[in-house]
Amino acid sequence: MLNKKTILFSLLICCYALAILWPCESFAITAKDKYFKAEACYKKLRNNSNKQKYRHNWLLCIKKFQAVYKHDPKSLWAAAGLYMSGELYGKLYKFSSRESDRKEVIDIFERIVKQFPKSKYKGKAIKKIRVFSEKERKKISKKIKVSIKKKSLAEKKKVRKNIKPSKTNKIVTVTSLRYWSNPSYTRVVIDADRDTTYNHRLLKKDPLIHKPERLCVDLHNSRLGNGLIKKIPINDDLLSNARAGQFKADMVRVVIDITSFKTYKIFSLKNPFRIVIDVWGTESKKKPSKLKTKKKDEKFTTSALAKQLALGVNCIVIDPGHGGRDRGAPGYLKGVYEKDIVLKIAKKLAKKIRNELQCEVVLTRTRDRYLTLEERTAIANTKNADLFISIHTNAARNRKAFGIETYFLNLATDDESILVAARENATSTKNISDLQTILTDLMQNAKINESSRLAGHVQTALCKHLKKNKYGRINNKGVKQAPFYVLLGAQMPAILIETSFISNPKECKRLITPKYQERLCEAIVNGIKKYIKETSPT
């Protein structure tokens, strides 16, 4: 029997023999072999245009050529492998336009120049470095941009070609985006050149694609106007921006990116057509007025009484109707227009309120300029006003019509109110009827009862005060309700005063006199005082 030592010795001899007779794989594969394997990889890639579209296929061949260099860094095959890896990176760069790929190309060819100064690849590498220099990079980048621009223009032309008006409707052009905002309220308006149908939906936040919560409004049978600013930054506490795009060949989509909000309302107005989007956040907390208690024997001064009387009413917005190109109703007297009369009354009223109630007063316009109706309410909302008072003069075809009336926002109850609303809204009575169908939803948050109460006090004070000052033939037409565009979306008690008929000979003459304007303002202030005293008794 063989002992243990003999067996171990035999095994050692066998292992030694195997090590000599069985050559190691690393010695079997040469740098040349690796180069041909890499070249075979590149040949397959070169012959397959579909494979060339994918980055990983290029990187696989590059890795194989770089393996040649790593196998034997001093051989001629190493220089060839390194050069080919640079060549392939250059081709990849033309597909990817990545700056990192361009830098990799230059880095590889510079290594060839330094490490293989006597090689034939040195001259080739220098030429390649020049080709992929900064100057050439700019040329390639410019070509890519031009190509993208041409493609984009071609796509736009294709979209415009596909936009064809339907037999019944013409294409609607979306002309502008506008907005007004404060931390707790934002109004966005989409303007279009004619009526169209639209729908809207709220899209939830999508963290996976970094999309915030957003409100989408799709306008049917529409396209973007040429001068439209497609993105407006809002960046208040509620919204980040509003943007418009040609979503489909016949549809414009307006997207409003939401930061946070409590609720929103959307409605449309006509002549011209526009879509109004109101977004509300949490209600702003107003600081309560600090009032010192008086001793029993201490008398109240006028200013102290005014401060106590104005509890809860710190800011009043006065809106002189019409303005600029919108002259309003023409007067009985030549050259007299509603826009001028109401501006004078509004300025006098603002001064009186400041002096007697010591409230902050904001005028929607202080000069002869045009304002849209939705802009006026937006100003009141963004100023966090406590009251909104719109000043107008009435008019009728019958020049004998006269009197004073005060309106608040609601469904119209008679034909005369519909006619007044249609005139002030600069629209037709048919549009007023259409608007009434959406008012029920819109006015859920409106302060209807407070508006009605304020209108009642102001109307009573106007007629009483003018009669007291010996103005004859004061026709009290009462408090009425109608769907006025200018009052839509107001977040405070809001009224519209038709001070007198500018179309009536007698009342037109009164309206242009400073004394009558002064008496009107005194009466309105008296009405506001009564309202404040009733709603905030001290």
Protein backbone atom coordinates (compact mmCIF):
# COMPACT_ATOMS: atom_id res chain seq x y z
CA MET A 1 0.00 0.00 0.00
CA LEU A 2 1.13 3.53 -0.79
CA ASN A 3 1.77 5.75 2.21
CA LYS A 4 0.45 9.31 2.58
CA LYS A 5 3.76 10.98 1.68
CA THR A 6 3.96 9.11 -1.65
CA ILE A 7 0.39 10.17 -2.59
CA LEU A 8 0.98 13.86 -1.78
CA PHE A 9 4.24 13.88 -3.76
CA SER A 10 2.49 12.36 -6.80
CA LEU A 11 -0.25 15.00 -6.67
CA LEU A 12 2.27 17.87 -6.56
CA ILE A 13 4.03 16.48 -9.64
CA CYS A 14 0.71 16.28 -11.52
CA CYS A 15 -0.21 19.90 -10.65
CA TYR A 16 3.21 21.14 -11.79
CA ALA A 17 2.88 19.24 -15.10
CA LEU A 18 -0.60 20.73 -15.70
CA ALA A 19 0.67 24.26 -15.04
CA ILE A 20 3.37 23.83 -17.69
CA LEU A 21 1.35 21.94 -20.29
CA TRP A 22 -2.00 23.94 -19.93
CA PRO A 23 -1.34 27.57 -20.99
CA CYS A 24 -3.17 30.42 -19.11
CA GLU A 25 -5.96 32.19 -21.00
CA SER A 26 -4.40 35.63 -20.42
CA PHE A 27 -1.38 34.55 -22.42
CA ALA A 28 -3.45 32.84 -25.08
CA ILE A 29 -5.44 36.07 -26.07
CA THR A 30 -3.22 38.86 -27.40
CA ALA A 31 -3.86 42.60 -27.81
CA LYS A 32 -4.22 41.93 -31.53
CA ASP A 33 -7.00 39.38 -30.88
CA LYS A 34 -8.84 41.86 -28.68
CA TYR A 35 -8.55 44.54 -31.35
CA PHE A 36 -10.16 42.26 -33.98
CA LYS A 37 -12.97 41.39 -31.54
CA ALA A 38 -13.62 45.11 -30.97
CA GLU A 39 -13.51 45.72 -34.72
CA ALA A 40 -16.11 42.96 -35.26
CA CYS A 41 -18.34 44.67 -32.68
CA TYR A 42 -18.01 48.02 -34.51
CA LYS A 43 -18.70 46.37 -37.90
CA LYS A 44 -22.04 45.03 -36.60
CA LEU A 45 -22.93 48.46 -35.22
CA ARG A 46 -21.93 50.21 -38.47
CA ASN A 47 -24.16 47.92 -40.52
CA ASN A 48 -27.21 48.35 -38.27
CA SER A 49 -28.71 51.89 -38.32
CA ASN A 50 -31.29 50.92 -35.68
CA LYS A 51 -28.57 49.90 -33.20
CA GLN A 52 -26.79 53.20 -33.78
CA LYS A 53 -29.74 55.02 -32.17
CA TYR A 54 -28.95 53.57 -28.73
CA ARG A 55 -26.08 54.85 -26.60
CA HIS A 56 -25.28 51.54 -24.88
CA ASN A 57 -24.39 49.90 -28.25
CA TRP A 58 -21.75 52.57 -28.90
CA LEU A 59 -20.35 52.29 -25.36
CA LEU A 60 -20.05 48.47 -25.70
CA CYS A 61 -17.76 48.79 -28.76
CA ILE A 62 -15.81 51.68 -27.16
CA LYS A 63 -15.16 49.50 -24.10
CA LYS A 64 -13.82 46.70 -26.30
CA PHE A 65 -11.36 49.07 -28.08
CA GLN A 66 -10.22 50.49 -24.72
CA ALA A 67 -9.61 46.90 -23.49
CA VAL A 68 -6.94 46.61 -26.24
CA TYR A 69 -5.05 49.58 -24.76
CA LYS A 70 -5.41 48.24 -21.18
CA HIS A 71 -4.12 44.79 -22.23
CA ASP A 72 -0.72 46.13 -23.32
CA PRO A 73 -0.44 49.94 -23.03
CA LYS A 74 2.94 50.12 -24.79
CA SER A 75 2.17 48.14 -27.93
CA LEU A 76 1.18 49.53 -31.34
CA TRP A 77 -2.16 47.76 -30.98
CA ALA A 78 -2.74 49.81 -27.83
CA ALA A 79 -2.41 53.03 -29.86
CA ALA A 80 -4.80 51.64 -32.49
CA GLY A 81 -7.36 50.60 -29.84
CA LEU A 82 -7.19 53.99 -28.09
CA TYR A 83 -7.53 55.84 -31.40
CA MET A 84 -10.61 53.80 -32.38
CA SER A 85 -12.25 54.41 -28.97
CA GLY A 86 -11.79 58.16 -29.60
CA GLU A 87 -13.18 57.79 -33.13
CA LEU A 88 -16.32 56.05 -31.82
CA TYR A 89 -16.83 58.67 -29.09
CA GLY A 90 -16.71 61.30 -31.87
CA LYS A 91 -19.44 59.49 -33.81
CA LEU A 92 -21.50 59.09 -30.64
CA TYR A 93 -21.22 62.85 -29.98
CA LYS A 94 -22.83 63.61 -33.35
CA PHE A 95 -25.84 61.56 -32.22
CA SER A 96 -25.98 62.71 -28.59
CA SER A 97 -24.68 66.34 -28.73
CA ARG A 98 -23.50 65.76 -25.14
CA GLU A 99 -20.71 68.05 -23.96
CA SER A 100 -19.25 65.16 -21.89
CA ASP A 101 -18.85 63.06 -25.08
CA ARG A 102 -17.01 65.87 -26.87
CA LYS A 103 -14.61 66.30 -23.94
CA GLU A 104 -14.00 62.54 -23.86
CA VAL A 105 -13.02 62.64 -27.57
CA ILE A 106 -10.43 65.41 -27.01
CA ASP A 107 -9.08 63.70 -23.85
CA ILE A 108 -8.50 60.37 -25.69
CA PHE A 109 -6.71 62.00 -28.67
CA GLU A 110 -4.53 64.11 -26.37
CA ARG A 111 -3.42 60.93 -24.57
CA ILE A 112 -2.41 59.44 -27.95
CA VAL A 113 -0.29 62.54 -28.75
CA LYS A 114 1.49 62.31 -25.37
CA GLN A 115 1.90 58.54 -25.03
CA PHE A 116 2.60 57.62 -28.66
CA PRO A 117 4.68 60.52 -30.09
CA LYS A 118 6.34 58.29 -32.71
CA SER A 119 3.17 56.48 -33.75
CA LYS A 120 1.34 57.17 -37.03
CA TYR A 121 -1.75 57.83 -34.88
CA LYS A 122 -0.21 61.03 -33.45
CA GLY A 123 -0.87 63.07 -36.63
CA LYS A 124 -4.40 61.68 -36.97
CA ALA A 125 -5.12 62.49 -33.31
CA ILE A 126 -3.97 66.13 -33.73
CA LYS A 127 -6.37 66.58 -36.67
CA LYS A 128 -9.24 65.12 -34.64
CA ILE A 129 -8.51 67.46 -31.73
CA ARG A 130 -8.90 70.43 -34.11
CA VAL A 131 -12.17 69.01 -35.46
CA PHE A 132 -13.67 68.69 -31.96
CA SER A 133 -12.32 72.01 -30.67
CA GLU A 134 -14.63 74.61 -29.00
CA LYS A 135 -15.13 76.38 -32.32
CA GLU A 136 -16.30 73.19 -34.00
CA ARG A 137 -18.53 72.37 -31.02
CA LYS A 138 -20.32 75.68 -31.54
CA LYS A 139 -20.79 74.91 -35.24
CA ILE A 140 -22.27 71.49 -34.49
CA SER A 141 -24.45 72.95 -31.75
CA LYS A 142 -25.68 75.67 -34.14
CA LYS A 143 -26.50 73.06 -36.80
CA ILE A 144 -28.49 71.05 -34.27
CA LYS A 145 -30.41 74.17 -33.14
CA VAL A 146 -31.19 75.14 -36.73
CA SER A 147 -32.37 71.60 -37.42
CA ILE A 148 -34.63 71.64 -34.34
CA LYS A 149 -35.99 75.08 -35.28
CA LYS A 150 -36.78 73.94 -38.85
CA LYS A 151 -38.51 70.86 -37.50
CA SER A 152 -40.52 72.97 -35.04
CA LEU A 153 -41.59 75.41 -37.76
CA ALA A 154 -42.59 72.53 -40.02
CA GLU A 155 -44.70 71.06 -37.22
CA LYS A 156 -46.36 74.43 -36.57
CA LYS A 157 -47.18 74.81 -40.27
CA LYS A 158 -48.60 71.32 -40.24
CA VAL A 159 -50.81 72.19 -37.24
CA ARG A 160 -52.01 75.40 -38.92
CA LYS A 161 -52.77 73.49 -42.12
CA ASN A 162 -54.86 71.03 -40.16
CA ILE A 163 -56.86 73.85 -38.51
CA LYS A 164 -59.92 74.20 -40.67
CA PRO A 165 -63.04 76.08 -39.67
CA SER A 166 -66.12 73.94 -39.32
CA LYS A 167 -69.08 74.68 -41.54
CA THR A 168 -70.96 76.35 -38.71
CA ASN A 169 -68.20 77.94 -36.62
CA LYS A 170 -65.18 80.05 -37.49
CA ILE A 171 -61.89 79.41 -35.75
CA VAL A 172 -61.60 81.29 -32.44
CA THR A 173 -58.32 83.08 -31.73
CA VAL A 174 -57.10 83.24 -28.13
CA THR A 175 -55.62 86.73 -27.89
CA SER A 176 -54.27 87.17 -24.35
CA LEU A 177 -53.92 86.03 -20.74
CA ARG A 178 -54.35 88.53 -17.89
CA TYR A 179 -54.32 88.26 -14.09
CA TRP A 180 -54.70 90.15 -10.79
CA SER A 181 -53.65 88.70 -7.47
CA ASN A 182 -53.02 88.98 -3.77
CA PRO A 183 -51.96 86.24 -1.30
CA SER A 184 -55.53 84.94 -0.86
CA TYR A 185 -57.18 85.64 -4.24
CA THR A 186 -56.24 85.50 -7.93
CA ARG A 187 -58.29 86.27 -11.01
CA VAL A 188 -57.05 84.98 -14.39
CA VAL A 189 -58.80 86.03 -17.62
CA ILE A 190 -58.49 84.27 -21.00
CA ASP A 191 -59.42 86.63 -23.87
CA ALA A 192 -60.70 85.40 -27.24
CA ASP A 193 -61.97 87.16 -30.36
CA ARG A 194 -65.34 85.35 -30.44
CA ASP A 195 -67.56 83.00 -28.45
CA THR A 196 -66.64 79.34 -28.11
CA THR A 197 -67.41 76.34 -25.92
CA TYR A 198 -64.91 75.22 -23.29
CA ASN A 199 -64.48 72.71 -20.49
CA HIS A 200 -62.22 72.60 -17.46
CA ARG A 201 -60.84 70.05 -15.02
CA LEU A 202 -58.56 69.94 -12.03
CA LEU A 203 -55.53 67.66 -12.38
CA LYS A 204 -54.00 66.21 -9.22
CA LYS A 205 -50.36 66.67 -8.25
CA ASP A 206 -48.04 64.07 -9.83
CA PRO A 207 -44.68 63.85 -7.96
CA LEU A 208 -43.34 61.15 -10.32
CA ILE A 209 -43.20 63.60 -13.25
CA HIS A 210 -42.66 66.68 -11.04
CA LYS A 211 -46.06 68.15 -11.95
CA PRO A 212 -47.94 70.39 -9.46
CA GLU A 213 -51.70 70.45 -9.05
CA ARG A 214 -53.08 72.27 -12.09
CA LEU A 215 -56.27 73.57 -13.59
CA CYS A 216 -56.79 72.91 -17.31
CA VAL A 217 -59.17 74.93 -19.47
CA ASP A 218 -59.70 73.63 -23.02
CA LEU A 219 -61.15 76.05 -25.59
CA HIS A 220 -62.75 74.20 -28.50
CA ASN A 221 -62.37 75.16 -32.16
CA SER A 222 -59.57 77.58 -31.28
CA ARG A 223 -55.97 78.51 -31.97
CA LEU A 224 -53.30 80.73 -30.39
CA GLY A 225 -53.00 84.33 -31.55
CA ASN A 226 -49.65 85.43 -33.00
CA GLY A 227 -48.93 88.09 -30.37
CA LEU A 228 -50.00 85.99 -27.38
CA ILE A 229 -47.54 85.72 -24.48
CA LYS A 230 -47.77 81.97 -23.90
CA LYS A 231 -46.60 81.96 -20.28
CA ILE A 232 -47.27 84.52 -17.56
CA PRO A 233 -45.53 84.15 -14.18
CA ILE A 234 -47.91 84.80 -11.26
CA ASN A 235 -45.89 83.51 -8.28
CA ASP A 236 -48.32 84.48 -5.53
CA ASP A 237 -49.33 82.23 -2.62
CA LEU A 238 -51.94 80.43 -4.78
CA LEU A 239 -50.62 80.07 -8.34
CA SER A 240 -47.14 79.84 -9.88
CA ASN A 241 -47.99 80.60 -13.53
CA ALA A 242 -50.53 80.38 -16.34
CA ARG A 243 -49.56 79.04 -19.76
CA ALA A 244 -51.31 78.57 -23.08
CA GLY A 245 -50.51 76.03 -25.79
CA GLN A 246 -51.92 74.56 -29.00
CA PHE A 247 -52.92 71.24 -27.43
CA LYS A 248 -54.61 69.92 -30.59
CA ALA A 249 -55.03 71.24 -34.11
CA ASP A 250 -58.37 72.78 -33.12
CA MET A 251 -57.95 73.19 -29.36
CA VAL A 252 -56.09 75.68 -27.15
CA ARG A 253 -55.30 74.49 -23.63
CA VAL A 254 -54.63 76.96 -20.82
CA VAL A 255 -52.93 75.40 -17.80
CA ILE A 256 -52.77 77.14 -14.43
CA ASP A 257 -50.14 75.68 -12.09
CA ILE A 258 -51.45 75.70 -8.52
CA THR A 259 -49.33 76.14 -5.40
CA SER A 260 -52.29 75.94 -2.98
CA PHE A 261 -55.96 76.93 -3.03
CA LYS A 262 -59.27 76.62 -1.21
CA THR A 263 -61.76 76.82 -4.08
CA TYR A 264 -62.21 78.21 -7.59
CA LYS A 265 -64.98 79.38 -9.95
CA ILE A 266 -65.01 79.68 -13.75
CA PHE A 267 -67.48 81.66 -15.85
CA SER A 268 -67.52 83.38 -19.24
CA LEU A 269 -68.48 86.91 -20.27
CA LYS A 270 -69.39 88.20 -23.73
CA ASN A 271 -68.75 91.20 -26.02
CA PRO A 272 -65.84 90.42 -26.22
CA PHE A 273 -65.75 86.77 -25.15
CA ARG A 274 -63.51 85.98 -22.18
CA ILE A 275 -63.25 83.23 -19.58
CA VAL A 276 -62.81 84.40 -15.99
CA ILE A 277 -61.14 82.10 -13.45
CA ASP A 278 -61.33 83.10 -9.78
CA VAL A 279 -59.12 81.21 -7.32
CA TRP A 280 -59.42 81.69 -3.55
CA GLY A 281 -57.11 80.67 -0.74
CA THR A 282 -57.68 80.84 2.98
CA GLU A 283 -59.29 84.09 4.11
CA SER A 284 -56.84 86.83 5.07
CA LYS A 285 -56.97 87.73 8.72
CA LYS A 286 -57.49 91.43 9.24
CA LYS A 287 -56.19 93.05 12.36
CA PRO A 288 -59.07 94.22 14.60
CA SER A 289 -59.29 97.93 15.32
CA LYS A 290 -57.84 98.85 18.69
CA LEU A 291 -60.35 101.09 20.51
CA LYS A 292 -59.75 102.67 23.86
CA THR A 293 -62.71 102.78 26.27
CA LYS A 294 -63.76 106.30 27.25
CA LYS A 295 -64.59 107.51 30.71
CA LYS A 296 -68.22 108.44 31.41
CA ASP A 297 -67.58 112.19 31.57
CA GLU A 298 -65.27 112.20 28.54
CA LYS A 299 -66.89 113.36 25.28
CA PHE A 300 -66.48 111.59 21.94
CA THR A 301 -64.71 113.60 19.28
CA THR A 302 -65.90 113.41 15.66
CA SER A 303 -62.83 111.39 14.61
CA ALA A 304 -63.23 108.92 17.50
CA LEU A 305 -66.89 108.42 16.61
CA ALA A 306 -65.94 107.88 12.96
CA LYS A 307 -63.38 105.24 13.95
CA GLN A 308 -65.92 103.39 16.10
CA LEU A 309 -68.55 103.67 13.38
CA ALA A 310 -66.22 102.15 10.79
CA LEU A 311 -65.63 98.98 12.81
CA GLY A 312 -65.30 96.12 10.32
CA VAL A 313 -65.04 98.51 7.33
CA ASN A 314 -61.44 99.50 6.79
CA CYS A 315 -61.21 99.67 2.99
CA ILE A 316 -63.80 100.83 0.44
CA VAL A 317 -63.28 100.54 -3.31
CA ILE A 318 -65.14 103.10 -5.45
CA ASP A 319 -65.56 102.31 -9.11
CA PRO A 320 -66.30 105.18 -11.52
CA GLY A 321 -68.04 103.37 -14.38
CA HIS A 322 -66.82 103.30 -18.01
CA GLY A 323 -63.75 105.39 -19.04
CA GLY A 324 -61.37 105.80 -21.97
CA ARG A 325 -62.85 104.55 -25.23
CA ASP A 326 -65.98 103.49 -23.33
CA ARG A 327 -67.83 106.81 -22.91
CA GLY A 328 -70.89 105.31 -21.28
CA ALA A 329 -74.31 106.87 -21.86
CA PRO A 330 -74.38 110.19 -23.76
CA GLY A 331 -75.99 113.12 -21.91
CA TYR A 332 -78.99 115.19 -22.97
CA LEU A 333 -76.54 118.12 -23.29
CA LYS A 334 -74.01 117.98 -26.12
CA GLY A 335 -70.51 116.80 -25.11
CA VAL A 336 -71.66 115.37 -21.75
CA TYR A 337 -70.80 111.71 -21.17
CA GLU A 338 -71.35 109.32 -18.30
CA LYS A 339 -67.63 108.48 -17.90
CA ASP A 340 -66.73 112.12 -17.02
CA ILE A 341 -69.64 112.74 -14.61
CA VAL A 342 -69.10 109.56 -12.59
CA LEU A 343 -65.34 110.18 -12.25
CA LYS A 344 -66.03 113.60 -10.68
CA ILE A 345 -68.62 112.10 -8.31
CA ALA A 346 -66.26 109.24 -7.37
CA LYS A 347 -63.38 111.58 -6.51
CA LYS A 348 -65.64 113.73 -4.30
CA LEU A 349 -67.05 110.59 -2.63
CA ALA A 350 -63.55 109.23 -1.93
CA LYS A 351 -62.55 112.48 -0.23
CA LYS A 352 -65.70 112.50 1.93
CA ILE A 353 -65.28 108.89 3.04
CA ARG A 354 -61.65 109.50 4.01
CA ASN A 355 -62.58 112.59 6.03
CA GLU A 356 -65.75 111.32 7.68
CA LEU A 357 -65.14 107.59 8.10
CA GLN A 358 -61.34 107.64 8.07
CA CYS A 359 -61.30 104.51 5.91
CA GLU A 360 -58.81 103.62 3.23
CA VAL A 361 -60.39 104.42 -0.16
CA VAL A 362 -59.26 102.99 -3.49
CA LEU A 363 -60.53 104.28 -6.85
CA THR A 364 -60.49 101.75 -9.70
CA ARG A 365 -59.56 104.66 -11.98
CA THR A 366 -58.47 108.21 -11.16
CA ARG A 367 -58.36 109.42 -14.76
CA ASP A 368 -60.05 108.91 -18.10
CA ARG A 369 -58.84 105.39 -18.89
CA TYR A 370 -60.47 102.16 -20.05
CA LEU A 371 -60.92 99.27 -17.64
CA THR A 372 -62.60 95.95 -18.34
CA LEU A 373 -65.53 95.09 -16.07
CA GLU A 374 -63.78 92.01 -14.65
CA GLU A 375 -60.72 94.12 -13.80
CA ARG A 376 -62.77 96.42 -11.54
CA THR A 377 -64.01 93.59 -9.29
CA ALA A 378 -60.53 92.04 -9.33
CA ILE A 379 -59.10 95.30 -7.93
CA ALA A 380 -61.63 95.21 -5.07
CA ASN A 381 -60.84 91.57 -4.29
CA THR A 382 -57.07 91.99 -4.43
CA LYS A 383 -57.29 95.03 -2.13
CA ASN A 384 -59.32 92.97 0.36
CA ALA A 385 -61.99 95.68 0.27
CA ASP A 386 -64.85 95.63 2.76
CA LEU A 387 -67.27 97.44 0.43
CA PHE A 388 -67.44 97.90 -3.35
CA ILE A 389 -69.46 100.82 -4.78
CA SER A 390 -69.80 101.28 -8.54
CA ILE A 391 -70.99 104.74 -9.64
CA HIS A 392 -73.06 105.19 -12.83
CA THR A 393 -75.65 107.43 -14.45
CA ASN A 394 -78.81 105.98 -15.94
CA ALA A 395 -80.15 106.49 -19.46
CA ALA A 396 -83.25 105.64 -21.47
CA ARG A 397 -84.63 106.23 -24.95
CA ASN A 398 -87.54 108.01 -23.35
CA ARG A 399 -86.06 111.35 -22.26
CA LYS A 400 -88.84 111.81 -19.77
CA ALA A 401 -87.55 108.86 -17.71
CA PHE A 402 -85.96 110.06 -14.46
CA GLY A 403 -85.06 108.93 -10.96
CA ILE A 404 -82.48 107.19 -8.77
CA GLU A 405 -82.02 103.45 -8.24
CA THR A 406 -79.47 101.20 -6.55
CA TYR A 407 -78.64 97.65 -7.63
CA PHE A 408 -77.05 94.59 -6.10
CA LEU A 409 -76.02 91.35 -7.85
CA ASN A 410 -78.77 88.81 -8.30
CA LEU A 411 -81.13 87.35 -10.86
CA ALA A 412 -83.08 90.11 -12.62
CA THR A 413 -86.74 90.24 -11.63
CA ASP A 414 -88.09 92.62 -14.28
CA ASP A 415 -87.45 93.63 -17.91
CA GLU A 416 -86.27 97.11 -16.98
CA SER A 417 -83.51 95.70 -14.74
CA ILE A 418 -82.43 93.38 -17.58
CA LEU A 419 -82.19 96.39 -19.94
CA VAL A 420 -80.10 98.38 -17.42
CA ALA A 421 -77.77 95.41 -16.85
CA ALA A 422 -77.42 94.82 -20.61
CA ARG A 423 -76.46 98.49 -21.14
CA GLU A 424 -73.94 98.60 -18.29
CA ASN A 425 -72.50 95.21 -19.34
CA ALA A 426 -72.25 96.46 -22.95
CA THR A 427 -74.00 93.31 -24.12
CA SER A 428 -77.42 92.10 -25.30
CA THR A 429 -80.47 91.15 -23.24
CA LYS A 430 -80.08 87.60 -24.65
CA ASN A 431 -76.60 87.36 -23.10
CA ILE A 432 -78.05 88.53 -19.79
CA SER A 433 -80.53 85.65 -19.92
CA ASP A 434 -77.68 83.21 -20.64
CA LEU A 435 -75.70 84.62 -17.72
CA GLN A 436 -78.60 84.15 -15.30
CA THR A 437 -78.40 80.37 -15.76
CA ILE A 438 -74.93 80.27 -14.17
CA LEU A 439 -75.52 82.91 -11.50
CA THR A 440 -77.00 80.52 -8.94
CA ASP A 441 -73.70 78.64 -8.66
CA LEU A 442 -71.56 81.78 -8.86
CA MET A 443 -73.29 83.58 -6.03
CA GLN A 444 -73.00 80.90 -3.39
CA ASN A 445 -70.08 82.77 -1.83
CA ALA A 446 -71.34 86.26 -2.71
CA LYS A 447 -72.62 88.45 0.13
CA ILE A 448 -76.14 88.90 -1.24
CA ASN A 449 -77.87 89.80 2.01
CA GLU A 450 -75.24 92.37 3.02
CA SER A 451 -75.27 93.84 -0.50
CA SER A 452 -79.06 94.14 -0.39
CA ARG A 453 -78.89 95.84 3.01
CA LEU A 454 -76.18 98.30 1.87
CA ALA A 455 -78.17 99.09 -1.30
CA GLY A 456 -81.29 99.78 0.80
CA HIS A 457 -79.51 102.22 3.13
CA VAL A 458 -77.79 104.08 0.27
CA GLN A 459 -80.97 104.31 -1.82
CA THR A 460 -83.01 105.66 1.12
CA ALA A 461 -80.28 108.16 2.07
CA LEU A 462 -79.98 109.43 -1.55
CA CYS A 463 -83.69 110.23 -1.97
CA LYS A 464 -84.12 111.59 1.58
CA HIS A 465 -81.04 113.84 1.49
CA LEU A 466 -81.80 115.30 -1.96
CA LYS A 467 -85.40 116.10 -0.96
CA LYS A 468 -84.13 117.66 2.27
CA ASN A 469 -81.88 119.92 0.17
CA LYS A 470 -84.92 121.06 -1.81
CA TYR A 471 -84.35 119.16 -5.03
CA GLY A 472 -87.78 118.70 -6.62
CA ARG A 473 -89.05 115.72 -8.58
CA ILE A 474 -86.85 113.07 -6.92
CA ASN A 475 -88.13 109.76 -8.21
CA ASN A 476 -87.25 106.92 -5.85
CA LYS A 477 -87.03 103.94 -8.21
CA GLY A 478 -85.98 101.72 -5.30
CA VAL A 479 -83.51 98.89 -4.78
CA LYS A 480 -83.28 96.41 -7.64
CA GLN A 481 -81.31 93.33 -8.55
CA ALA A 482 -79.66 92.32 -11.82
CA PRO A 483 -76.66 90.33 -13.11
CA PHE A 484 -74.01 93.04 -13.54
CA TYR A 485 -70.64 91.84 -14.86
CA VAL A 486 -68.85 94.42 -12.72
CA LEU A 487 -70.24 92.85 -9.52
CA LEU A 488 -69.53 89.20 -10.46
CA GLY A 489 -67.11 87.50 -8.09
CA ALA A 490 -67.01 90.38 -5.58
CA GLN A 491 -66.04 88.99 -2.17
CA MET A 492 -67.58 91.87 -0.24
CA PRO A 493 -70.96 93.68 -0.15
CA ALA A 494 -71.15 95.29 -3.60
CA ILE A 495 -73.64 97.74 -5.10
CA LEU A 496 -74.10 99.72 -8.30
CA ILE A 497 -75.70 103.20 -8.00
CA GLU A 498 -77.55 104.77 -10.94
CA THR A 499 -77.27 108.34 -9.58
CA SER A 500 -79.74 109.97 -12.04
CA PHE A 501 -80.78 109.83 -15.70
CA ILE A 502 -78.17 111.57 -17.86
CA SER A 503 -80.62 111.30 -20.79
CA ASN A 504 -83.21 113.43 -18.94
CA PRO A 505 -82.90 117.22 -19.59
CA LYS A 506 -83.40 118.27 -15.96
CA GLU A 507 -81.31 115.54 -14.36
CA CYS A 508 -78.48 115.96 -16.90
CA LYS A 509 -78.21 119.65 -15.93
CA ARG A 510 -78.14 118.64 -12.25
CA LEU A 511 -75.47 115.99 -12.77
CA ILE A 512 -72.96 118.42 -14.27
CA THR A 513 -73.19 120.84 -11.30
CA PRO A 514 -70.61 120.43 -8.49
CA LYS A 515 -73.29 121.20 -5.88
CA TYR A 516 -75.55 118.29 -6.93
CA GLN A 517 -72.50 115.98 -7.12
CA GLU A 518 -71.61 117.06 -3.56
CA ARG A 519 -75.14 116.31 -2.30
CA LEU A 520 -75.06 112.86 -3.92
CA CYS A 521 -71.78 112.08 -2.12
CA GLU A 522 -73.11 113.31 1.23
CA ALA A 523 -76.13 111.03 0.82
CA ILE A 524 -74.01 107.96 -0.12
CA VAL A 525 -71.78 108.51 2.94
CA ASN A 526 -74.90 108.75 5.13
CA GLY A 527 -76.13 105.45 3.69
CA ILE A 528 -72.74 103.78 4.35
CA LYS A 529 -72.80 105.07 7.94
CA LYS A 530 -76.25 103.58 8.50
CA TYR A 531 -75.12 100.26 7.05
CA ILE A 532 -71.99 100.15 9.24
CA LYS A 533 -73.94 101.09 12.36
CA GLU A 534 -76.49 98.34 11.69
CA THR A 535 -73.99 95.60 10.85
CA SER A 536 -71.31 96.54 13.42
CA PRO A 537 -73.06 98.25 16.36
CA THR A 538 -70.70 99.69 18.99
